[in-house]
Structures are given as structure tokens and as C-alpha cells.
Amino acid sequence: MSPRYVGRHSGGRPPRDANTPKVSPPHPPGLAARTVDRRTVKKIALWVALAVGLALSLAVLIGLVQGFHAMDHPPGGWCQDNSATCVHR
């Protein structure tokens, strides 16, 4: 039987004969080194970037809330003109 199609979908190899058993290459014992493919690395990088972006957004939001609170409740009793709690006598 000659191969009829050897192209990009077959990886450049002729089709395997159905009568031969499929044998995987032997793995060295004790070495469980797992290779990480590119897709997994991209997913991890995406989730890390999303977590960092969320953390920075929360830090900015907390800073804004603290700043607005500090404007309405000034330390030491000084008063700003545009504050809602400022009382002019």
C-alpha cells in the first residue's frame, strides 16, 4: 500500500499501517519533567496580567476614597472652602 496523501495534516509522514502496533518511545524512570506548551504559558500570563490590573485598579480606587474622605475630615481642624463639612463663622 503506497501513501496517497502526505501533506501538512499528516506531519509529512506517510499514514501508519493498521496492522503494526503503536509503540510509544520509552520514558526515563524517575524523571517526571512535564513540558508546558505555549498556549498554557499564554493563559497563565493573561491571568497574571488581569490580576495585576485588578490590583492596581483597586489601589487607585482606595486612594481616591481615602483622598475624598481626607478632604471632608481634615487633620488638625483646618478647613477647605469646598468641603461639605466646613462651617464658616
PDB file of N, CA and C in Angstrom:
ATOM      1  N   MET A   1       0.841  -1.166   0.000  1.00  0.00           N
ATOM      2  CA  MET A   1       0.000   0.000   0.000  1.00  0.00           C
ATOM      3  C   MET A   1       0.897   1.243   0.000  1.00  0.00           C
ATOM      4  N   SER A   2       0.741   2.083  -0.974  1.00  0.00           N
ATOM      5  CA  SER A   2       1.548   3.297  -1.049  1.00  0.00           C
ATOM      6  C   SER A   2       0.740   4.464  -0.486  1.00  0.00           C
ATOM      7  N   PRO A   3       1.436   5.432   0.143  1.00  0.00           N
ATOM      8  CA  PRO A   3       0.694   6.576   0.696  1.00  0.00           C
ATOM      9  C   PRO A   3       0.121   7.443  -0.424  1.00  0.00           C
ATOM     10  N   ARG A   4      -1.139   7.784  -0.264  1.00  0.00           N
ATOM     11  CA  ARG A   4      -1.788   8.600  -1.286  1.00  0.00           C
ATOM     12  C   ARG A   4      -1.661  10.077  -0.968  1.00  0.00           C
ATOM     13  N   TYR A   5      -1.582  10.399   0.286  1.00  0.00           N
ATOM     14  CA  TYR A   5      -1.504  11.801   0.657  1.00  0.00           C
ATOM     15  C   TYR A   5      -0.494  11.963   1.784  1.00  0.00           C
ATOM     16  N   VAL A   6       0.525  12.699   1.518  1.00  0.00           N
ATOM     17  CA  VAL A   6       1.491  13.073   2.541  1.00  0.00           C
ATOM     18  C   VAL A   6       1.596  14.581   2.463  1.00  0.00           C
ATOM     19  N   GLY A   7       0.959  15.249   3.402  1.00  0.00           N
ATOM     20  CA  GLY A   7       0.926  16.706   3.345  1.00  0.00           C
ATOM     21  C   GLY A   7       1.030  17.311   4.713  1.00  0.00           C
ATOM     22  N   ARG A   8       0.545  18.515   4.835  1.00  0.00           N
ATOM     23  CA  ARG A   8       0.731  19.237   6.085  1.00  0.00           C
ATOM     24  C   ARG A   8      -0.103  18.657   7.226  1.00  0.00           C
ATOM     25  N   HIS A   9      -1.204  18.007   6.948  1.00  0.00           N
ATOM     26  CA  HIS A   9      -2.042  17.453   8.010  1.00  0.00           C
ATOM     27  C   HIS A   9      -1.498  16.136   8.547  1.00  0.00           C
ATOM     28  N   SER A  10      -0.662  15.491   7.802  1.00  0.00           N
ATOM     29  CA  SER A  10      -0.109  14.226   8.286  1.00  0.00           C
ATOM     30  C   SER A  10       1.267  14.425   8.897  1.00  0.00           C
ATOM     31  N   GLY A  11       1.752  15.645   8.952  1.00  0.00           N
ATOM     32  CA  GLY A  11       3.047  15.916   9.536  1.00  0.00           C
ATOM     33  C   GLY A  11       4.192  15.493   8.643  1.00  0.00           C
ATOM     34  N   GLY A  12       3.940  15.252   7.377  1.00  0.00           N
ATOM     35  CA  GLY A  12       4.987  14.861   6.457  1.00  0.00           C
ATOM     36  C   GLY A  12       5.333  13.385   6.516  1.00  0.00           C
ATOM     37  N   ARG A  13       4.590  12.643   7.312  1.00  0.00           N
ATOM     38  CA  ARG A  13       4.834  11.198   7.421  1.00  0.00           C
ATOM     39  C   ARG A  13       3.743  10.452   6.670  1.00  0.00           C
ATOM     40  N   PRO A  14       4.078   9.334   6.100  1.00  0.00           N
ATOM     41  CA  PRO A  14       3.029   8.539   5.454  1.00  0.00           C
ATOM     42  C   PRO A  14       2.097   7.961   6.510  1.00  0.00           C
ATOM     43  N   PRO A  15       0.870   7.613   6.143  1.00  0.00           N
ATOM     44  CA  PRO A  15      -0.060   7.053   7.115  1.00  0.00           C
ATOM     45  C   PRO A  15       0.475   5.736   7.681  1.00  0.00           C
ATOM     46  N   ARG A  16       0.152   5.486   8.952  1.00  0.00           N
ATOM     47  CA  ARG A  16       0.598   4.292   9.641  1.00  0.00           C
ATOM     48  C   ARG A  16      -0.223   3.088   9.187  1.00  0.00           C
ATOM     49  N   ASP A  17       0.462   1.975   9.039  1.00  0.00           N
ATOM     50  CA  ASP A  17      -0.211   0.740   8.659  1.00  0.00           C
ATOM     51  C   ASP A  17      -1.052   0.268   9.838  1.00  0.00           C
ATOM     52  N   ALA A  18      -2.282  -0.123   9.592  1.00  0.00           N
ATOM     53  CA  ALA A  18      -3.194  -0.521  10.658  1.00  0.00           C
ATOM     54  C   ALA A  18      -2.767  -1.818  11.334  1.00  0.00           C
ATOM     55  N   ASN A  19      -1.947  -2.626  10.694  1.00  0.00           N
ATOM     56  CA  ASN A  19      -1.548  -3.908  11.273  1.00  0.00           C
ATOM     57  C   ASN A  19      -0.371  -3.801  12.236  1.00  0.00           C
ATOM     58  N   THR A  20       0.383  -2.700  12.194  1.00  0.00           N
ATOM     59  CA  THR A  20       1.519  -2.563  13.103  1.00  0.00           C
ATOM     60  C   THR A  20       1.054  -1.946  14.417  1.00  0.00           C
ATOM     61  N   PRO A  21       1.577  -2.435  15.544  1.00  0.00           N
ATOM     62  CA  PRO A  21       1.154  -1.888  16.843  1.00  0.00           C
ATOM     63  C   PRO A  21       1.768  -0.504  17.060  1.00  0.00           C
ATOM     64  N   LYS A  22       1.040   0.312  17.787  1.00  0.00           N
ATOM     65  CA  LYS A  22       1.504   1.655  18.091  1.00  0.00           C
ATOM     66  C   LYS A  22       2.376   1.578  19.343  1.00  0.00           C
ATOM     67  N   VAL A  23       3.623   1.981  19.213  1.00  0.00           N
ATOM     68  CA  VAL A  23       4.568   1.908  20.326  1.00  0.00           C
ATOM     69  C   VAL A  23       5.053   3.320  20.636  1.00  0.00           C
ATOM     70  N   SER A  24       4.975   3.676  21.904  1.00  0.00           N
ATOM     71  CA  SER A  24       5.463   4.994  22.302  1.00  0.00           C
ATOM     72  C   SER A  24       6.922   4.875  22.726  1.00  0.00           C
ATOM     73  N   PRO A  25       7.679   5.937  22.594  1.00  0.00           N
ATOM     74  CA  PRO A  25       9.081   5.871  22.986  1.00  0.00           C
ATOM     75  C   PRO A  25       9.205   5.703  24.500  1.00  0.00           C
ATOM     76  N   PRO A  26      10.224   5.017  24.960  1.00  0.00           N
ATOM     77  CA  PRO A  26      10.366   4.798  26.398  1.00  0.00           C
ATOM     78  C   PRO A  26      10.718   6.093  27.122  1.00  0.00           C
ATOM     79  N   HIS A  27      10.183   6.253  28.331  1.00  0.00           N
ATOM     80  CA  HIS A  27      10.455   7.413  29.156  1.00  0.00           C
ATOM     81  C   HIS A  27      11.452   7.016  30.232  1.00  0.00           C
ATOM     82  N   PRO A  28      12.404   7.872  30.548  1.00  0.00           N
ATOM     83  CA  PRO A  28      13.354   7.534  31.601  1.00  0.00           C
ATOM     84  C   PRO A  28      12.649   7.472  32.954  1.00  0.00           C
ATOM     85  N   PRO A  29      12.962   6.485  33.767  1.00  0.00           N
ATOM     86  CA  PRO A  29      12.280   6.358  35.062  1.00  0.00           C
ATOM     87  C   PRO A  29      12.701   7.467  36.026  1.00  0.00           C
ATOM     88  N   GLY A  30      11.747   7.933  36.816  1.00  0.00           N
ATOM     89  CA  GLY A  30      12.029   8.924  37.842  1.00  0.00           C
ATOM     90  C   GLY A  30      12.021  10.363  37.354  1.00  0.00           C
ATOM     91  N   LEU A  31      12.026  10.596  36.088  1.00  0.00           N
ATOM     92  CA  LEU A  31      12.002  11.960  35.583  1.00  0.00           C
ATOM     93  C   LEU A  31      10.589  12.280  35.118  1.00  0.00           C
ATOM     94  N   ALA A  32       9.943  13.099  35.891  1.00  0.00           N
ATOM     95  CA  ALA A  32       8.571  13.475  35.555  1.00  0.00           C
ATOM     96  C   ALA A  32       8.558  14.911  35.051  1.00  0.00           C
ATOM     97  N   ALA A  33       9.514  15.259  34.240  1.00  0.00           N
ATOM     98  CA  ALA A  33       9.570  16.616  33.697  1.00  0.00           C
ATOM     99  C   ALA A  33       8.429  16.797  32.705  1.00  0.00           C
ATOM    100  N   ARG A  34       7.592  17.749  33.020  1.00  0.00           N
ATOM    101  CA  ARG A  34       6.429  17.976  32.179  1.00  0.00           C
ATOM    102  C   ARG A  34       6.667  19.237  31.372  1.00  0.00           C
ATOM    103  N   THR A  35       6.548  19.141  30.097  1.00  0.00           N
ATOM    104  CA  THR A  35       6.746  20.315  29.260  1.00  0.00           C
ATOM    105  C   THR A  35       5.468  21.134  29.224  1.00  0.00           C
ATOM    106  N   VAL A  36       5.622  22.423  29.280  1.00  0.00           N
ATOM    107  CA  VAL A  36       4.480  23.336  29.242  1.00  0.00           C
ATOM    108  C   VAL A  36       4.407  23.918  27.838  1.00  0.00           C
ATOM    109  N   ASP A  37       3.271  23.762  27.218  1.00  0.00           N
ATOM    110  CA  ASP A  37       3.143  24.273  25.863  1.00  0.00           C
ATOM    111  C   ASP A  37       2.888  25.783  25.872  1.00  0.00           C
ATOM    112  N   ARG A  38       2.979  26.378  24.720  1.00  0.00           N
ATOM    113  CA  ARG A  38       2.878  27.815  24.570  1.00  0.00           C
ATOM    114  C   ARG A  38       1.503  28.356  24.949  1.00  0.00           C
ATOM    115  N   ARG A  39       0.483  27.575  24.687  1.00  0.00           N
ATOM    116  CA  ARG A  39      -0.882  28.001  24.984  1.00  0.00           C
ATOM    117  C   ARG A  39      -1.107  28.151  26.489  1.00  0.00           C
ATOM    118  N   THR A  40      -0.534  27.218  27.261  1.00  0.00           N
ATOM    119  CA  THR A  40      -0.653  27.281  28.714  1.00  0.00           C
ATOM    120  C   THR A  40       0.093  28.492  29.261  1.00  0.00           C
ATOM    121  N   VAL A  41       1.257  28.781  28.716  1.00  0.00           N
ATOM    122  CA  VAL A  41       2.033  29.937  29.153  1.00  0.00           C
ATOM    123  C   VAL A  41       1.259  31.219  28.870  1.00  0.00           C
ATOM    124  N   LYS A  42       0.614  31.292  27.715  1.00  0.00           N
ATOM    125  CA  LYS A  42      -0.175  32.478  27.372  1.00  0.00           C
ATOM    126  C   LYS A  42      -1.363  32.640  28.315  1.00  0.00           C
ATOM    127  N   LYS A  43      -2.011  31.543  28.675  1.00  0.00           N
ATOM    128  CA  LYS A  43      -3.145  31.622  29.596  1.00  0.00           C
ATOM    129  C   LYS A  43      -2.693  32.095  30.973  1.00  0.00           C
ATOM    130  N   ILE A  44      -1.562  31.571  31.436  1.00  0.00           N
ATOM    131  CA  ILE A  44      -1.052  31.984  32.744  1.00  0.00           C
ATOM    132  C   ILE A  44      -0.683  33.466  32.708  1.00  0.00           C
ATOM    133  N   ALA A  45      -0.029  33.898  31.634  1.00  0.00           N
ATOM    134  CA  ALA A  45       0.341  35.308  31.515  1.00  0.00           C
ATOM    135  C   ALA A  45      -0.895  36.202  31.476  1.00  0.00           C
ATOM    136  N   LEU A  46      -1.942  35.764  30.812  1.00  0.00           N
ATOM    137  CA  LEU A  46      -3.182  36.536  30.753  1.00  0.00           C
ATOM    138  C   LEU A  46      -3.789  36.700  32.144  1.00  0.00           C
ATOM    139  N   TRP A  47      -3.883  35.612  32.895  1.00  0.00           N
ATOM    140  CA  TRP A  47      -4.489  35.679  34.224  1.00  0.00           C
ATOM    141  C   TRP A  47      -3.635  36.495  35.188  1.00  0.00           C
ATOM    142  N   VAL A  48      -2.313  36.410  35.065  1.00  0.00           N
ATOM    143  CA  VAL A  48      -1.441  37.229  35.908  1.00  0.00           C
ATOM    144  C   VAL A  48      -1.627  38.705  35.567  1.00  0.00           C
ATOM    145  N   ALA A  49      -1.685  39.031  34.280  1.00  0.00           N
ATOM    146  CA  ALA A  49      -1.884  40.418  33.867  1.00  0.00           C
ATOM    147  C   ALA A  49      -3.245  40.940  34.340  1.00  0.00           C
ATOM    148  N   LEU A  50      -4.267  40.122  34.260  1.00  0.00           N
ATOM    149  CA  LEU A  50      -5.588  40.543  34.744  1.00  0.00           C
ATOM    150  C   LEU A  50      -5.571  40.780  36.257  1.00  0.00           C
ATOM    151  N   ALA A  51      -4.890  39.921  36.997  1.00  0.00           N
ATOM    152  CA  ALA A  51      -4.807  40.082  38.450  1.00  0.00           C
ATOM    153  C   ALA A  51      -4.036  41.347  38.813  1.00  0.00           C
ATOM    154  N   VAL A  52      -2.944  41.622  38.111  1.00  0.00           N
ATOM    155  CA  VAL A  52      -2.166  42.837  38.378  1.00  0.00           C
ATOM    156  C   VAL A  52      -2.988  44.070  38.036  1.00  0.00           C
ATOM    157  N   GLY A  53      -3.697  44.043  36.930  1.00  0.00           N
ATOM    158  CA  GLY A  53      -4.538  45.172  36.553  1.00  0.00           C
ATOM    159  C   GLY A  53      -5.649  45.421  37.570  1.00  0.00           C
ATOM    160  N   LEU A  54      -6.247  44.353  38.053  1.00  0.00           N
ATOM    161  CA  LEU A  54      -7.292  44.491  39.068  1.00  0.00           C
ATOM    162  C   LEU A  54      -6.717  45.049  40.361  1.00  0.00           C
ATOM    163  N   ALA A  55      -5.538  44.575  40.762  1.00  0.00           N
ATOM    164  CA  ALA A  55      -4.915  45.070  41.989  1.00  0.00           C
ATOM    165  C   ALA A  55      -4.583  46.563  41.861  1.00  0.00           C
ATOM    166  N   LEU A  56      -4.051  46.990  40.721  1.00  0.00           N
ATOM    167  CA  LEU A  56      -3.749  48.410  40.530  1.00  0.00           C
ATOM    168  C   LEU A  56      -5.018  49.257  40.522  1.00  0.00           C
ATOM    169  N   SER A  57      -6.066  48.756  39.898  1.00  0.00           N
ATOM    170  CA  SER A  57      -7.334  49.496  39.882  1.00  0.00           C
ATOM    171  C   SER A  57      -7.902  49.651  41.286  1.00  0.00           C
ATOM    172  N   LEU A  58      -7.833  48.599  42.078  1.00  0.00           N
ATOM    173  CA  LEU A  58      -8.317  48.679  43.461  1.00  0.00           C
ATOM    174  C   LEU A  58      -7.466  49.640  44.284  1.00  0.00           C
ATOM    175  N   ALA A  59      -6.150  49.638  44.063  1.00  0.00           N
ATOM    176  CA  ALA A  59      -5.284  50.558  44.804  1.00  0.00           C
ATOM    177  C   ALA A  59      -5.622  52.008  44.474  1.00  0.00           C
ATOM    178  N   VAL A  60      -5.867  52.306  43.208  1.00  0.00           N
ATOM    179  CA  VAL A  60      -6.236  53.669  42.809  1.00  0.00           C
ATOM    180  C   VAL A  60      -7.589  54.038  43.394  1.00  0.00           C
ATOM    181  N   LEU A  61      -8.542  53.135  43.356  1.00  0.00           N
ATOM    182  CA  LEU A  61      -9.866  53.406  43.901  1.00  0.00           C
ATOM    183  C   LEU A  61      -9.811  53.655  45.407  1.00  0.00           C
ATOM    184  N   ILE A  62      -9.043  52.850  46.121  1.00  0.00           N
ATOM    185  CA  ILE A  62      -8.900  53.048  47.568  1.00  0.00           C
ATOM    186  C   ILE A  62      -8.230  54.382  47.854  1.00  0.00           C
ATOM    187  N   GLY A  63      -7.228  54.760  47.061  1.00  0.00           N
ATOM    188  CA  GLY A  63      -6.572  56.050  47.239  1.00  0.00           C
ATOM    189  C   GLY A  63      -7.516  57.211  47.011  1.00  0.00           C
ATOM    190  N   LEU A  64      -8.367  57.098  45.999  1.00  0.00           N
ATOM    191  CA  LEU A  64      -9.348  58.162  45.754  1.00  0.00           C
ATOM    192  C   LEU A  64     -10.344  58.288  46.897  1.00  0.00           C
ATOM    193  N   VAL A  65     -10.827  57.156  47.393  1.00  0.00           N
ATOM    194  CA  VAL A  65     -11.783  57.193  48.508  1.00  0.00           C
ATOM    195  C   VAL A  65     -11.131  57.802  49.741  1.00  0.00           C
ATOM    196  N   GLN A  66      -9.892  57.425  50.021  1.00  0.00           N
ATOM    197  CA  GLN A  66      -9.196  57.993  51.175  1.00  0.00           C
ATOM    198  C   GLN A  66      -8.949  59.490  50.984  1.00  0.00           C
ATOM    199  N   GLY A  67      -8.644  59.905  49.763  1.00  0.00           N
ATOM    200  CA  GLY A  67      -8.421  61.327  49.498  1.00  0.00           C
ATOM    201  C   GLY A  67      -9.681  62.152  49.677  1.00  0.00           C
ATOM    202  N   PHE A  68     -10.795  61.665  49.174  1.00  0.00           N
ATOM    203  CA  PHE A  68     -12.054  62.392  49.356  1.00  0.00           C
ATOM    204  C   PHE A  68     -12.466  62.417  50.828  1.00  0.00           C
ATOM    205  N   HIS A  69     -12.199  61.348  51.543  1.00  0.00           N
ATOM    206  CA  HIS A  69     -12.515  61.323  52.976  1.00  0.00           C
ATOM    207  C   HIS A  69     -11.631  62.315  53.726  1.00  0.00           C
ATOM    208  N   ALA A  70     -10.358  62.410  53.333  1.00  0.00           N
ATOM    209  CA  ALA A  70      -9.449  63.340  53.999  1.00  0.00           C
ATOM    210  C   ALA A  70      -9.833  64.794  53.719  1.00  0.00           C
ATOM    211  N   MET A  71     -10.422  65.068  52.543  1.00  0.00           N
ATOM    212  CA  MET A  71     -10.868  66.435  52.258  1.00  0.00           C
ATOM    213  C   MET A  71     -12.032  66.831  53.149  1.00  0.00           C
ATOM    214  N   ASP A  72     -12.940  65.916  53.408  1.00  0.00           N
ATOM    215  CA  ASP A  72     -14.094  66.238  54.247  1.00  0.00           C
ATOM    216  C   ASP A  72     -13.783  66.160  55.734  1.00  0.00           C
ATOM    217  N   HIS A  73     -12.738  65.461  56.114  1.00  0.00           N
ATOM    218  CA  HIS A  73     -12.350  65.326  57.515  1.00  0.00           C
ATOM    219  C   HIS A  73     -10.867  65.696  57.638  1.00  0.00           C
ATOM    220  N   PRO A  74     -10.561  66.975  57.585  1.00  0.00           N
ATOM    221  CA  PRO A  74      -9.164  67.398  57.575  1.00  0.00           C
ATOM    222  C   PRO A  74      -8.484  67.136  58.916  1.00  0.00           C
ATOM    223  N   PRO A  75      -7.203  66.775  58.871  1.00  0.00           N
ATOM    224  CA  PRO A  75      -6.474  66.559  60.120  1.00  0.00           C
ATOM    225  C   PRO A  75      -6.117  67.901  60.768  1.00  0.00           C
ATOM    226  N   GLY A  76      -6.202  67.982  62.092  1.00  0.00           N
ATOM    227  CA  GLY A  76      -5.813  69.196  62.804  1.00  0.00           C
ATOM    228  C   GLY A  76      -6.845  70.297  62.780  1.00  0.00           C
ATOM    229  N   GLY A  77      -7.995  70.087  62.205  1.00  0.00           N
ATOM    230  CA  GLY A  77      -9.073  71.055  62.275  1.00  0.00           C
ATOM    231  C   GLY A  77      -9.057  72.119  61.203  1.00  0.00           C
ATOM    232  N   TRP A  78      -8.143  72.090  60.257  1.00  0.00           N
ATOM    233  CA  TRP A  78      -8.171  73.107  59.202  1.00  0.00           C
ATOM    234  C   TRP A  78      -9.322  72.826  58.267  1.00  0.00           C
ATOM    235  N   CYS A  79      -9.774  73.791  57.549  1.00  0.00           N
ATOM    236  CA  CYS A  79     -10.987  73.668  56.754  1.00  0.00           C
ATOM    237  C   CYS A  79     -10.749  74.171  55.332  1.00  0.00           C
ATOM    238  N   GLN A  80     -11.289  73.441  54.372  1.00  0.00           N
ATOM    239  CA  GLN A  80     -11.248  73.879  52.981  1.00  0.00           C
ATOM    240  C   GLN A  80     -12.593  74.490  52.607  1.00  0.00           C
ATOM    241  N   ASP A  81     -12.563  75.415  51.680  1.00  0.00           N
ATOM    242  CA  ASP A  81     -13.787  76.118  51.309  1.00  0.00           C
ATOM    243  C   ASP A  81     -14.795  75.227  50.593  1.00  0.00           C
ATOM    244  N   ASN A  82     -14.322  74.224  49.836  1.00  0.00           N
ATOM    245  CA  ASN A  82     -15.259  73.405  49.070  1.00  0.00           C
ATOM    246  C   ASN A  82     -15.680  72.140  49.828  1.00  0.00           C
ATOM    247  N   SER A  83     -15.390  72.063  51.112  1.00  0.00           N
ATOM    248  CA  SER A  83     -15.754  70.891  51.891  1.00  0.00           C
ATOM    249  C   SER A  83     -17.200  70.978  52.351  1.00  0.00           C
ATOM    250  N   ALA A  84     -17.893  69.852  52.353  1.00  0.00           N
ATOM    251  CA  ALA A  84     -19.294  69.832  52.785  1.00  0.00           C
ATOM    252  C   ALA A  84     -19.412  69.999  54.295  1.00  0.00           C
ATOM    253  N   THR A  85     -18.361  69.672  55.034  1.00  0.00           N
ATOM    254  CA  THR A  85     -18.433  69.753  56.499  1.00  0.00           C
ATOM    255  C   THR A  85     -17.814  71.046  57.026  1.00  0.00           C
ATOM    256  N   CYS A  86     -17.408  71.931  56.140  1.00  0.00           N
ATOM    257  CA  CYS A  86     -16.759  73.173  56.560  1.00  0.00           C
ATOM    258  C   CYS A  86     -17.812  74.142  57.093  1.00  0.00           C
ATOM    259  N   VAL A  87     -17.596  74.663  58.267  1.00  0.00           N
ATOM    260  CA  VAL A  87     -18.525  75.609  58.880  1.00  0.00           C
ATOM    261  C   VAL A  87     -17.808  76.928  59.006  1.00  0.00           C
ATOM    262  N   HIS A  88     -18.348  77.965  58.338  1.00  0.00           N
ATOM    263  CA  HIS A  88     -17.780  79.317  58.434  1.00  0.00           C
ATOM    264  C   HIS A  88     -18.516  80.088  59.501  1.00  0.00           C
ATOM    265  N   ARG A  89     -17.784  80.765  60.348  1.00  0.00           N
ATOM    266  CA  ARG A  89     -18.432  81.567  61.409  1.00  0.00           C
ATOM    267  C   ARG A  89     -18.337  83.016  61.113  1.00  0.00           C
TER     268      ARG A  89
END
